[in-house]
């Protein structure tokens, strides 16, 4: 939900949130599997700071599509209040539709906003995970010396499914040690997690979900579309790359690397600006269980351009794959 000001044609945050909910309704009607929502705070380009609020709007407007927080920075929330909000969201959505990849967060400025001890964030993270589990058990529990109870109970027994996210080996070891599923930034980290689980006698519950790319845009005129959408792709990539420096990696943040212009987008194998025929050929070459992620509003992409791509995807690409 980045909404940067890139000129007079830039959509407002209100227009992008409206488009996001409408696109989720559209995707739900067409059998898409999940919508992913992320969280950052104090961002200069209006990145979504309240994904639970957005998730509630989406859940209320849809019936089947899963709502997956990836990631929800649980260290920056009061854990009891977070448990309440997520329980109510789970009731709105219905059993099994809410999934959570719990993130620790990595930008010191965000921890400062909420008065959270950045050096001890791992301790806060694990404490909050424990509180969520206790809160959704439906019984009284102790929190900071007081007996509390979270009501109402979520629709999903035991609460929404929680995975641990991460970009480094400590997150893999933590997920294995605490018995959670794991959704890391790379397949290599997941293989390390599987090793850790095996050493603990606790096999991983599922295989790594092959997924990607960073961005998909279907168009009948890739060169024209690239000129239109390039400022948004460059902005998103460069913001993520800049944030990566705050955790010690100067140029890469997951898929996102610093970009200098259109040629750098063309050279990035995770940026797909394709005709319908090109998209069909590329997708047919992927494993059958590959999870295609499209990022339709990446970098504050104008909704009219985003919608045009989605309609081509639904009308001229996916039916041919299904056949």
C-alpha atoms as a PDB file:
ATOM      1  CA  UNK A   1       0.000   0.000   0.000  1.00  0.00           C
ATOM      2  CA  UNK A   2       2.846   2.425  -0.725  1.00  0.00           C
ATOM      3  CA  UNK A   3       1.373   5.680  -2.009  1.00  0.00           C
ATOM      4  CA  UNK A   4       4.319   7.857  -3.047  1.00  0.00           C
ATOM      5  CA  UNK A   5       3.907  11.280  -4.628  1.00  0.00           C
ATOM      6  CA  UNK A   6       5.501  10.703  -8.024  1.00  0.00           C
ATOM      7  CA  UNK A   7       3.681  13.494  -9.820  1.00  0.00           C
ATOM      8  CA  UNK A   8       0.188  14.754 -10.616  1.00  0.00           C
ATOM      9  CA  UNK A   9      -0.986  11.338 -11.824  1.00  0.00           C
ATOM     10  CA  UNK A  10      -0.117   9.586  -8.555  1.00  0.00           C
ATOM     11  CA  UNK A  11      -3.171   8.011  -6.914  1.00  0.00           C
ATOM     12  CA  UNK A  12      -4.084   9.060  -3.398  1.00  0.00           C
ATOM     13  CA  UNK A  13      -3.911   6.638  -0.474  1.00  0.00           C
ATOM     14  CA  UNK A  14      -7.723   6.620  -0.411  1.00  0.00           C
ATOM     15  CA  UNK A  15      -7.866   5.573  -4.070  1.00  0.00           C
ATOM     16  CA  UNK A  16      -5.359   2.781  -3.503  1.00  0.00           C
ATOM     17  CA  UNK A  17      -7.161   1.386  -0.459  1.00  0.00           C
ATOM     18  CA  UNK A  18     -10.437   1.429  -2.382  1.00  0.00           C
ATOM     19  CA  UNK A  19      -8.760  -0.374  -5.279  1.00  0.00           C
ATOM     20  CA  UNK A  20      -7.185  -2.935  -2.952  1.00  0.00           C
ATOM     21  CA  UNK A  21     -10.522  -3.976  -1.472  1.00  0.00           C
ATOM     22  CA  UNK A  22     -12.215  -4.044  -4.879  1.00  0.00           C
ATOM     23  CA  UNK A  23      -9.388  -6.126  -6.344  1.00  0.00           C
ATOM     24  CA  UNK A  24      -9.689  -8.593  -3.482  1.00  0.00           C
ATOM     25  CA  UNK A  25     -13.421  -8.936  -4.177  1.00  0.00           C
ATOM     26  CA  UNK A  26     -12.583  -9.523  -7.841  1.00  0.00           C
ATOM     27  CA  UNK A  27      -9.891 -12.077  -6.955  1.00  0.00           C
ATOM     28  CA  UNK A  28     -12.177 -13.885  -4.509  1.00  0.00           C
ATOM     29  CA  UNK A  29     -14.820 -14.315  -7.213  1.00  0.00           C
ATOM     30  CA  UNK A  30     -12.195 -15.787  -9.542  1.00  0.00           C
ATOM     31  CA  UNK A  31     -10.753 -18.322  -7.135  1.00  0.00           C
ATOM     32  CA  UNK A  32      -7.491 -16.640  -6.187  1.00  0.00           C
ATOM     33  CA  UNK A  33      -5.992 -18.276  -3.120  1.00  0.00           C
ATOM     34  CA  UNK A  34      -4.726 -15.513  -0.859  1.00  0.00           C
ATOM     35  CA  UNK A  35      -4.083 -11.823  -0.391  1.00  0.00           C
ATOM     36  CA  UNK A  36      -0.901 -10.856   1.431  1.00  0.00           C
ATOM     37  CA  UNK A  37      -0.753  -7.783   3.663  1.00  0.00           C
ATOM     38  CA  UNK A  38       2.366  -6.261   5.177  1.00  0.00           C
ATOM     39  CA  UNK A  39       3.111  -3.657   7.843  1.00  0.00           C
ATOM     40  CA  UNK A  40       5.515  -0.751   8.335  1.00  0.00           C
ATOM     41  CA  UNK A  41       5.241   2.421  10.377  1.00  0.00           C
ATOM     42  CA  UNK A  42       6.145   6.057   9.821  1.00  0.00           C
ATOM     43  CA  UNK A  43       7.084   5.458   6.177  1.00  0.00           C
ATOM     44  CA  UNK A  44       7.447   8.571   4.052  1.00  0.00           C
ATOM     45  CA  UNK A  45       5.456   6.959   1.235  1.00  0.00           C
ATOM     46  CA  UNK A  46       2.407   5.979   3.326  1.00  0.00           C
ATOM     47  CA  UNK A  47       3.132   2.226   3.577  1.00  0.00           C
ATOM     48  CA  UNK A  48       0.230   0.517   5.370  1.00  0.00           C
ATOM     49  CA  UNK A  49       0.670   0.773   9.169  1.00  0.00           C
ATOM     50  CA  UNK A  50      -2.650  -0.901  10.051  1.00  0.00           C
ATOM     51  CA  UNK A  51      -3.001  -4.156   8.097  1.00  0.00           C
ATOM     52  CA  UNK A  52      -5.565  -5.584  10.524  1.00  0.00           C
ATOM     53  CA  UNK A  53      -7.935  -2.744   9.663  1.00  0.00           C
ATOM     54  CA  UNK A  54      -7.415  -3.362   5.948  1.00  0.00           C
ATOM     55  CA  UNK A  55      -7.807  -7.112   6.486  1.00  0.00           C
ATOM     56  CA  UNK A  56     -11.166  -6.521   8.173  1.00  0.00           C
ATOM     57  CA  UNK A  57     -12.416  -4.579   5.160  1.00  0.00           C
ATOM     58  CA  UNK A  58     -11.219  -7.325   2.835  1.00  0.00           C
ATOM     59  CA  UNK A  59     -12.626 -10.141   4.963  1.00  0.00           C
ATOM     60  CA  UNK A  60     -16.003  -8.446   5.147  1.00  0.00           C
ATOM     61  CA  UNK A  61     -16.119  -8.000   1.371  1.00  0.00           C
ATOM     62  CA  UNK A  62     -15.073 -11.563   0.433  1.00  0.00           C
ATOM     63  CA  UNK A  63     -16.017 -15.141   1.238  1.00  0.00           C
ATOM     64  CA  UNK A  64     -13.195 -17.518   0.405  1.00  0.00           C
ATOM     65  CA  UNK A  65      -9.827 -15.879  -0.208  1.00  0.00           C
ATOM     66  CA  UNK A  66      -7.296 -16.268   2.621  1.00  0.00           C
ATOM     67  CA  UNK A  67      -5.974 -13.124   4.297  1.00  0.00           C
ATOM     68  CA  UNK A  68      -2.297 -13.656   5.111  1.00  0.00           C
ATOM     69  CA  UNK A  69      -0.247 -11.127   7.065  1.00  0.00           C
ATOM     70  CA  UNK A  70       3.264 -11.304   5.691  1.00  0.00           C
ATOM     71  CA  UNK A  71       4.545 -10.044   7.892  1.00  0.00           C
ATOM     72  CA  UNK A  72       2.708  -8.756  10.950  1.00  0.00           C
ATOM     73  CA  UNK A  73       5.222  -7.002  13.216  1.00  0.00           C
ATOM     74  CA  UNK A  74       3.930  -8.407  16.482  1.00  0.00           C
ATOM     75  CA  UNK A  75       6.707  -6.776  18.536  1.00  0.00           C
ATOM     76  CA  UNK A  76       5.109  -3.365  17.945  1.00  0.00           C
ATOM     77  CA  UNK A  77       1.666  -4.287  19.282  1.00  0.00           C
ATOM     78  CA  UNK A  78       0.367  -4.707  22.802  1.00  0.00           C
ATOM     79  CA  UNK A  79      -0.027  -8.506  22.773  1.00  0.00           C
ATOM     80  CA  UNK A  80      -3.367  -8.739  24.582  1.00  0.00           C
ATOM     81  CA  UNK A  81      -4.949  -6.095  22.385  1.00  0.00           C
ATOM     82  CA  UNK A  82      -3.426  -7.773  19.333  1.00  0.00           C
ATOM     83  CA  UNK A  83      -4.984 -11.071  20.399  1.00  0.00           C
ATOM     84  CA  UNK A  84      -8.384  -9.389  20.690  1.00  0.00           C
ATOM     85  CA  UNK A  85      -8.146  -7.672  17.297  1.00  0.00           C
ATOM     86  CA  UNK A  86      -7.072 -10.839  15.526  1.00  0.00           C
ATOM     87  CA  UNK A  87      -9.791 -12.891  17.244  1.00  0.00           C
ATOM     88  CA  UNK A  88     -12.461 -10.471  15.995  1.00  0.00           C
ATOM     89  CA  UNK A  89     -10.923 -10.467  12.512  1.00  0.00           C
ATOM     90  CA  UNK A  90     -11.036 -14.270  12.557  1.00  0.00           C
ATOM     91  CA  UNK A  91     -14.735 -14.139  13.419  1.00  0.00           C
ATOM     92  CA  UNK A  92     -15.391 -11.735  10.550  1.00  0.00           C
ATOM     93  CA  UNK A  93     -13.431 -13.881   8.095  1.00  0.00           C
ATOM     94  CA  UNK A  94     -14.543 -17.306   9.270  1.00  0.00           C
ATOM     95  CA  UNK A  95     -12.497 -20.354  10.288  1.00  0.00           C
ATOM     96  CA  UNK A  96      -9.157 -20.854   8.603  1.00  0.00           C
ATOM     97  CA  UNK A  97      -9.066 -17.747   6.429  1.00  0.00           C
ATOM     98  CA  UNK A  98      -6.663 -15.681   8.541  1.00  0.00           C
ATOM     99  CA  UNK A  99      -2.976 -16.632   8.432  1.00  0.00           C
ATOM    100  CA  UNK A 100      -0.148 -14.818  10.176  1.00  0.00           C
ATOM    101  CA  UNK A 101       3.525 -14.737   9.355  1.00  0.00           C
ATOM    102  CA  UNK A 102       4.841 -13.115  12.514  1.00  0.00           C
ATOM    103  CA  UNK A 103       7.719 -10.715  11.931  1.00  0.00           C
ATOM    104  CA  UNK A 104      10.069  -9.213  14.465  1.00  0.00           C
ATOM    105  CA  UNK A 105      10.696  -6.008  12.537  1.00  0.00           C
ATOM    106  CA  UNK A 106      14.064  -4.536  11.650  1.00  0.00           C
ATOM    107  CA  UNK A 107      13.776  -0.735  11.371  1.00  0.00           C
ATOM    108  CA  UNK A 108      14.898   0.980  14.609  1.00  0.00           C
ATOM    109  CA  UNK A 109      12.758   4.052  13.886  1.00  0.00           C
ATOM    110  CA  UNK A 110       9.623   1.924  14.084  1.00  0.00           C
ATOM    111  CA  UNK A 111      10.561   0.501  17.470  1.00  0.00           C
ATOM    112  CA  UNK A 112      11.232   4.040  18.720  1.00  0.00           C
ATOM    113  CA  UNK A 113       7.705   5.086  17.659  1.00  0.00           C
ATOM    114  CA  UNK A 114       6.180   2.538  20.023  1.00  0.00           C
ATOM    115  CA  UNK A 115       8.748   2.601  22.810  1.00  0.00           C
ATOM    116  CA  UNK A 116       9.847  -1.002  22.187  1.00  0.00           C
ATOM    117  CA  UNK A 117      13.358  -2.005  23.230  1.00  0.00           C
ATOM    118  CA  UNK A 118      15.099  -2.654  19.893  1.00  0.00           C
ATOM    119  CA  UNK A 119      18.135  -4.543  21.295  1.00  0.00           C
ATOM    120  CA  UNK A 120      15.769  -6.910  23.159  1.00  0.00           C
ATOM    121  CA  UNK A 121      13.250  -7.308  20.341  1.00  0.00           C
ATOM    122  CA  UNK A 122      13.722 -11.084  20.173  1.00  0.00           C
ATOM    123  CA  UNK A 123      12.613 -11.413  23.797  1.00  0.00           C
ATOM    124  CA  UNK A 124       9.575  -9.193  23.141  1.00  0.00           C
ATOM    125  CA  UNK A 125       8.762 -11.180  20.003  1.00  0.00           C
ATOM    126  CA  UNK A 126       8.735 -14.528  21.799  1.00  0.00           C
ATOM    127  CA  UNK A 127       6.749 -13.096  24.718  1.00  0.00           C
ATOM    128  CA  UNK A 128       4.094 -11.807  22.330  1.00  0.00           C
ATOM    129  CA  UNK A 129       3.896 -15.129  20.494  1.00  0.00           C
ATOM    130  CA  UNK A 130       3.285 -16.867  23.808  1.00  0.00           C
ATOM    131  CA  UNK A 131       0.574 -14.371  24.765  1.00  0.00           C
ATOM    132  CA  UNK A 132      -1.287 -14.924  21.487  1.00  0.00           C
ATOM    133  CA  UNK A 133      -1.329 -18.671  22.026  1.00  0.00           C
ATOM    134  CA  UNK A 134      -2.520 -18.369  25.623  1.00  0.00           C
ATOM    135  CA  UNK A 135      -5.122 -15.758  24.737  1.00  0.00           C
ATOM    136  CA  UNK A 136      -6.748 -17.932  22.077  1.00  0.00           C
ATOM    137  CA  UNK A 137      -6.927 -20.969  24.337  1.00  0.00           C
ATOM    138  CA  UNK A 138     -10.094 -19.499  25.839  1.00  0.00           C
ATOM    139  CA  UNK A 139      -8.942 -19.531  29.472  1.00  0.00           C
ATOM    140  CA  UNK A 140      -7.607 -17.085  32.043  1.00  0.00           C
ATOM    141  CA  UNK A 141      -3.855 -16.537  31.925  1.00  0.00           C
ATOM    142  CA  UNK A 142      -1.257 -14.409  33.640  1.00  0.00           C
ATOM    143  CA  UNK A 143       0.046 -11.292  31.914  1.00  0.00           C
ATOM    144  CA  UNK A 144       2.375  -8.854  33.658  1.00  0.00           C
ATOM    145  CA  UNK A 145       1.219  -9.996  37.079  1.00  0.00           C
ATOM    146  CA  UNK A 146      -2.497  -9.850  36.327  1.00  0.00           C
ATOM    147  CA  UNK A 147      -5.064 -12.449  35.394  1.00  0.00           C
ATOM    148  CA  UNK A 148      -6.650 -11.682  32.033  1.00  0.00           C
ATOM    149  CA  UNK A 149      -8.957 -13.369  29.528  1.00  0.00           C
ATOM    150  CA  UNK A 150      -9.455 -12.581  25.837  1.00  0.00           C
ATOM    151  CA  UNK A 151     -13.028 -12.751  24.554  1.00  0.00           C
ATOM    152  CA  UNK A 152     -14.665 -13.572  22.236  1.00  0.00           C
ATOM    153  CA  UNK A 153     -12.856 -16.683  21.123  1.00  0.00           C
ATOM    154  CA  UNK A 154     -11.701 -16.711  17.488  1.00  0.00           C
ATOM    155  CA  UNK A 155     -13.674 -18.723  14.949  1.00  0.00           C
ATOM    156  CA  UNK A 156     -10.653 -20.947  14.280  1.00  0.00           C
ATOM    157  CA  UNK A 157     -10.036 -23.307  17.222  1.00  0.00           C
ATOM    158  CA  UNK A 158      -6.845 -22.175  18.917  1.00  0.00           C
ATOM    159  CA  UNK A 159      -6.750 -19.043  16.796  1.00  0.00           C
ATOM    160  CA  UNK A 160      -5.355 -18.184  13.366  1.00  0.00           C
ATOM    161  CA  UNK A 161      -2.408 -20.186  12.053  1.00  0.00           C
ATOM    162  CA  UNK A 162       0.920 -18.560  12.919  1.00  0.00           C
ATOM    163  CA  UNK A 163       4.181 -18.907  11.012  1.00  0.00           C
ATOM    164  CA  UNK A 164       7.450 -17.258  11.945  1.00  0.00           C
ATOM    165  CA  UNK A 165       9.034 -15.135   9.253  1.00  0.00           C
ATOM    166  CA  UNK A 166      12.641 -14.093   8.885  1.00  0.00           C
ATOM    167  CA  UNK A 167      15.681 -13.247   6.833  1.00  0.00           C
ATOM    168  CA  UNK A 168      18.419 -14.936   8.858  1.00  0.00           C
ATOM    169  CA  UNK A 169      19.257 -18.246  10.540  1.00  0.00           C
ATOM    170  CA  UNK A 170      18.209 -17.193  14.065  1.00  0.00           C
ATOM    171  CA  UNK A 171      14.603 -16.961  12.842  1.00  0.00           C
ATOM    172  CA  UNK A 172      14.810 -20.522  11.491  1.00  0.00           C
ATOM    173  CA  UNK A 173      16.194 -21.824  14.771  1.00  0.00           C
ATOM    174  CA  UNK A 174      13.480 -19.961  16.695  1.00  0.00           C
ATOM    175  CA  UNK A 175      10.666 -21.380  14.551  1.00  0.00           C
ATOM    176  CA  UNK A 176      12.021 -24.918  14.975  1.00  0.00           C
ATOM    177  CA  UNK A 177      12.578 -24.540  18.722  1.00  0.00           C
ATOM    178  CA  UNK A 178       9.118 -23.100  19.364  1.00  0.00           C
ATOM    179  CA  UNK A 179       7.338 -25.534  17.049  1.00  0.00           C
ATOM    180  CA  UNK A 180       5.963 -23.030  14.540  1.00  0.00           C
ATOM    181  CA  UNK A 181       5.771 -23.219  10.783  1.00  0.00           C
ATOM    182  CA  UNK A 182       8.257 -21.041   8.957  1.00  0.00           C
ATOM    183  CA  UNK A 183       7.919 -18.571   6.068  1.00  0.00           C
ATOM    184  CA  UNK A 184      11.407 -17.188   5.381  1.00  0.00           C
ATOM    185  CA  UNK A 185      12.782 -14.986   2.640  1.00  0.00           C
ATOM    186  CA  UNK A 186      14.571 -17.833   0.841  1.00  0.00           C
ATOM    187  CA  UNK A 187      14.437 -21.549   0.165  1.00  0.00           C
ATOM    188  CA  UNK A 188      17.929 -21.919   1.641  1.00  0.00           C
ATOM    189  CA  UNK A 189      16.687 -20.647   4.988  1.00  0.00           C
ATOM    190  CA  UNK A 190      13.774 -23.069   4.849  1.00  0.00           C
ATOM    191  CA  UNK A 191      16.135 -25.977   4.256  1.00  0.00           C
ATOM    192  CA  UNK A 192      18.109 -24.849   7.298  1.00  0.00           C
ATOM    193  CA  UNK A 193      14.836 -24.776   9.274  1.00  0.00           C
ATOM    194  CA  UNK A 194      14.091 -28.335   8.154  1.00  0.00           C
ATOM    195  CA  UNK A 195      17.505 -29.410   9.426  1.00  0.00           C
ATOM    196  CA  UNK A 196      16.826 -27.753  12.773  1.00  0.00           C
ATOM    197  CA  UNK A 197      13.434 -29.456  13.028  1.00  0.00           C
ATOM    198  CA  UNK A 198      14.977 -32.838  12.248  1.00  0.00           C
ATOM    199  CA  UNK A 199      17.597 -32.388  14.955  1.00  0.00           C
ATOM    200  CA  UNK A 200      14.797 -31.672  17.428  1.00  0.00           C
ATOM    201  CA  UNK A 201      12.843 -34.731  16.288  1.00  0.00           C
ATOM    202  CA  UNK A 202      10.068 -32.500  14.999  1.00  0.00           C
ATOM    203  CA  UNK A 203       9.752 -32.756  11.197  1.00  0.00           C
ATOM    204  CA  UNK A 204       8.658 -29.634   9.329  1.00  0.00           C
ATOM    205  CA  UNK A 205       4.898 -29.671   8.781  1.00  0.00           C
ATOM    206  CA  UNK A 206       4.994 -28.634   5.126  1.00  0.00           C
ATOM    207  CA  UNK A 207       7.333 -28.051   2.210  1.00  0.00           C
ATOM    208  CA  UNK A 208       8.692 -24.665   1.247  1.00  0.00           C
ATOM    209  CA  UNK A 209       6.095 -22.893  -0.917  1.00  0.00           C
ATOM    210  CA  UNK A 210       7.829 -22.066  -4.191  1.00  0.00           C
ATOM    211  CA  UNK A 211       6.592 -18.589  -5.053  1.00  0.00           C
ATOM    212  CA  UNK A 212       7.182 -15.346  -6.858  1.00  0.00           C
ATOM    213  CA  UNK A 213       8.020 -13.233  -8.757  1.00  0.00           C
ATOM    214  CA  UNK A 214       8.436  -9.743  -7.306  1.00  0.00           C
ATOM    215  CA  UNK A 215       5.982  -8.241  -9.781  1.00  0.00           C
ATOM    216  CA  UNK A 216       3.719  -9.359 -12.629  1.00  0.00           C
ATOM    217  CA  UNK A 217       2.137  -7.056 -15.203  1.00  0.00           C
ATOM    218  CA  UNK A 218       0.293  -8.455 -18.226  1.00  0.00           C
ATOM    219  CA  UNK A 219      -0.022  -6.124 -21.211  1.00  0.00           C
ATOM    220  CA  UNK A 220      -0.415  -6.189 -24.967  1.00  0.00           C
ATOM    221  CA  UNK A 221       2.367  -3.563 -25.248  1.00  0.00           C
ATOM    222  CA  UNK A 222       5.208  -4.256 -22.786  1.00  0.00           C
ATOM    223  CA  UNK A 223       7.382  -1.330 -23.884  1.00  0.00           C
ATOM    224  CA  UNK A 224       4.601   1.221 -23.455  1.00  0.00           C
ATOM    225  CA  UNK A 225       3.509  -0.290 -20.133  1.00  0.00           C
ATOM    226  CA  UNK A 226       7.070  -0.349 -18.822  1.00  0.00           C
ATOM    227  CA  UNK A 227       7.405   3.391 -19.413  1.00  0.00           C
ATOM    228  CA  UNK A 228       4.167   3.958 -17.518  1.00  0.00           C
ATOM    229  CA  UNK A 229       4.889   1.753 -14.517  1.00  0.00           C
ATOM    230  CA  UNK A 230       8.661   2.124 -14.205  1.00  0.00           C
ATOM    231  CA  UNK A 231       8.608   5.016 -11.686  1.00  0.00           C
ATOM    232  CA  UNK A 232       6.499   2.928  -9.322  1.00  0.00           C
ATOM    233  CA  UNK A 233       8.668  -0.185  -9.630  1.00  0.00           C
ATOM    234  CA  UNK A 234      11.858   1.834  -9.156  1.00  0.00           C
ATOM    235  CA  UNK A 235      10.402   3.598  -6.121  1.00  0.00           C
ATOM    236  CA  UNK A 236       9.317   0.388  -4.412  1.00  0.00           C
ATOM    237  CA  UNK A 237      12.606  -1.407  -5.102  1.00  0.00           C
ATOM    238  CA  UNK A 238      14.743   1.507  -3.974  1.00  0.00           C
ATOM    239  CA  UNK A 239      12.765   2.039  -0.769  1.00  0.00           C
ATOM    240  CA  UNK A 240      13.101  -1.613   0.227  1.00  0.00           C
ATOM    241  CA  UNK A 241      16.792  -1.588  -0.669  1.00  0.00           C
ATOM    242  CA  UNK A 242      17.331   1.547   1.436  1.00  0.00           C
ATOM    243  CA  UNK A 243      15.547  -0.052   4.382  1.00  0.00           C
ATOM    244  CA  UNK A 244      17.777  -3.111   3.993  1.00  0.00           C
ATOM    245  CA  UNK A 245      20.747  -1.012   5.076  1.00  0.00           C
ATOM    246  CA  UNK A 246      19.112  -0.799   8.504  1.00  0.00           C
ATOM    247  CA  UNK A 247      19.718  -4.501   9.028  1.00  0.00           C
ATOM    248  CA  UNK A 248      23.195  -4.661   7.520  1.00  0.00           C
ATOM    249  CA  UNK A 249      22.473  -5.521   3.890  1.00  0.00           C
ATOM    250  CA  UNK A 250      23.116  -2.509   1.720  1.00  0.00           C
ATOM    251  CA  UNK A 251      21.469  -3.493  -1.576  1.00  0.00           C
ATOM    252  CA  UNK A 252      19.017  -6.385  -1.208  1.00  0.00           C
ATOM    253  CA  UNK A 253      15.793  -6.845   0.771  1.00  0.00           C
ATOM    254  CA  UNK A 254      14.176 -10.089  -0.331  1.00  0.00           C
ATOM    255  CA  UNK A 255      13.492  -9.598  -4.040  1.00  0.00           C
ATOM    256  CA  UNK A 256      14.164  -5.895  -3.899  1.00  0.00           C
ATOM    257  CA  UNK A 257      17.396  -4.411  -5.200  1.00  0.00           C
ATOM    258  CA  UNK A 258      18.333  -0.820  -5.944  1.00  0.00           C
ATOM    259  CA  UNK A 259      17.306   0.252  -9.444  1.00  0.00           C
ATOM    260  CA  UNK A 260      18.495   3.129 -11.586  1.00  0.00           C
ATOM    261  CA  UNK A 261      16.172   3.093 -14.573  1.00  0.00           C
ATOM    262  CA  UNK A 262      14.147   1.120 -17.079  1.00  0.00           C
ATOM    263  CA  UNK A 263      17.083  -1.021 -18.153  1.00  0.00           C
ATOM    264  CA  UNK A 264      17.569  -2.211 -14.571  1.00  0.00           C
ATOM    265  CA  UNK A 265      13.936  -3.353 -14.528  1.00  0.00           C
ATOM    266  CA  UNK A 266      14.399  -5.242 -17.788  1.00  0.00           C
ATOM    267  CA  UNK A 267      17.487  -6.931 -16.337  1.00  0.00           C
ATOM    268  CA  UNK A 268      15.678  -8.087 -13.195  1.00  0.00           C
ATOM    269  CA  UNK A 269      14.359 -11.660 -13.671  1.00  0.00           C
ATOM    270  CA  UNK A 270      11.784 -11.123 -10.898  1.00  0.00           C
ATOM    271  CA  UNK A 271      10.081  -8.220 -12.729  1.00  0.00           C
ATOM    272  CA  UNK A 272       7.679  -9.669 -15.290  1.00  0.00           C
ATOM    273  CA  UNK A 273       6.167  -7.244 -17.808  1.00  0.00           C
ATOM    274  CA  UNK A 274       4.786  -9.709 -20.356  1.00  0.00           C
ATOM    275  CA  UNK A 275       2.250 -10.218 -23.117  1.00  0.00           C
ATOM    276  CA  UNK A 276      -0.393 -12.863 -22.427  1.00  0.00           C
ATOM    277  CA  UNK A 277       1.410 -15.335 -24.706  1.00  0.00           C
ATOM    278  CA  UNK A 278       4.744 -14.695 -22.972  1.00  0.00           C
ATOM    279  CA  UNK A 279       3.120 -15.137 -19.562  1.00  0.00           C
ATOM    280  CA  UNK A 280       1.537 -18.464 -20.537  1.00  0.00           C
ATOM    281  CA  UNK A 281       4.868 -19.784 -21.833  1.00  0.00           C
ATOM    282  CA  UNK A 282       6.738 -18.686 -18.720  1.00  0.00           C
ATOM    283  CA  UNK A 283       4.165 -20.037 -16.293  1.00  0.00           C
ATOM    284  CA  UNK A 284       3.894 -23.399 -18.048  1.00  0.00           C
ATOM    285  CA  UNK A 285       7.613 -23.883 -17.384  1.00  0.00           C
ATOM    286  CA  UNK A 286       7.122 -23.574 -13.604  1.00  0.00           C
ATOM    287  CA  UNK A 287       6.356 -26.409 -11.154  1.00  0.00           C
ATOM    288  CA  UNK A 288       2.621 -27.183 -10.880  1.00  0.00           C
ATOM    289  CA  UNK A 289       2.464 -26.111  -7.222  1.00  0.00           C
ATOM    290  CA  UNK A 290       4.241 -22.785  -7.793  1.00  0.00           C
ATOM    291  CA  UNK A 291       2.447 -19.880  -6.086  1.00  0.00           C
ATOM    292  CA  UNK A 292       2.139 -16.939  -8.466  1.00  0.00           C
ATOM    293  CA  UNK A 293       2.195 -13.572  -6.697  1.00  0.00           C
ATOM    294  CA  UNK A 294       1.345 -10.470  -8.690  1.00  0.00           C
ATOM    295  CA  UNK A 295       1.709  -7.313  -6.488  1.00  0.00           C
ATOM    296  CA  UNK A 296      -0.873  -5.449  -8.596  1.00  0.00           C
ATOM    297  CA  UNK A 297      -0.572  -2.065  -6.811  1.00  0.00           C
ATOM    298  CA  UNK A 298       3.203  -2.126  -6.290  1.00  0.00           C
ATOM    299  CA  UNK A 299       4.718   1.268  -5.580  1.00  0.00           C
ATOM    300  CA  UNK A 300       1.373   3.050  -5.773  1.00  0.00           C
ATOM    301  CA  UNK A 301       0.661   1.855  -9.317  1.00  0.00           C
ATOM    302  CA  UNK A 302      -2.380   3.729 -10.705  1.00  0.00           C
ATOM    303  CA  UNK A 303      -5.408   1.461 -10.304  1.00  0.00           C
ATOM    304  CA  UNK A 304      -6.469   1.781 -13.951  1.00  0.00           C
ATOM    305  CA  UNK A 305      -3.134   0.299 -15.089  1.00  0.00           C
ATOM    306  CA  UNK A 306      -3.339  -2.355 -12.408  1.00  0.00           C
ATOM    307  CA  UNK A 307      -6.872  -3.359 -13.375  1.00  0.00           C
ATOM    308  CA  UNK A 308      -5.937  -3.668 -17.049  1.00  0.00           C
ATOM    309  CA  UNK A 309      -3.207  -6.149 -16.156  1.00  0.00           C
ATOM    310  CA  UNK A 310      -5.425  -8.183 -13.843  1.00  0.00           C
ATOM    311  CA  UNK A 311      -8.173  -8.482 -16.443  1.00  0.00           C
ATOM    312  CA  UNK A 312      -5.694  -9.739 -19.047  1.00  0.00           C
ATOM    313  CA  UNK A 313      -4.313 -12.216 -16.510  1.00  0.00           C
ATOM    314  CA  UNK A 314      -7.792 -13.548 -15.785  1.00  0.00           C
ATOM    315  CA  UNK A 315      -9.068 -13.531 -19.364  1.00  0.00           C
ATOM    316  CA  UNK A 316      -6.063 -14.477 -21.493  1.00  0.00           C
ATOM    317  CA  UNK A 317      -3.575 -16.266 -19.218  1.00  0.00           C
ATOM    318  CA  UNK A 318      -5.125 -18.297 -16.424  1.00  0.00           C
ATOM    319  CA  UNK A 319      -7.751 -20.111 -18.549  1.00  0.00           C
ATOM    320  CA  UNK A 320      -5.016 -21.390 -20.839  1.00  0.00           C
ATOM    321  CA  UNK A 321      -3.012 -22.642 -17.874  1.00  0.00           C
ATOM    322  CA  UNK A 322      -6.035 -24.431 -16.443  1.00  0.00           C
ATOM    323  CA  UNK A 323      -6.687 -26.078 -19.820  1.00  0.00           C
END
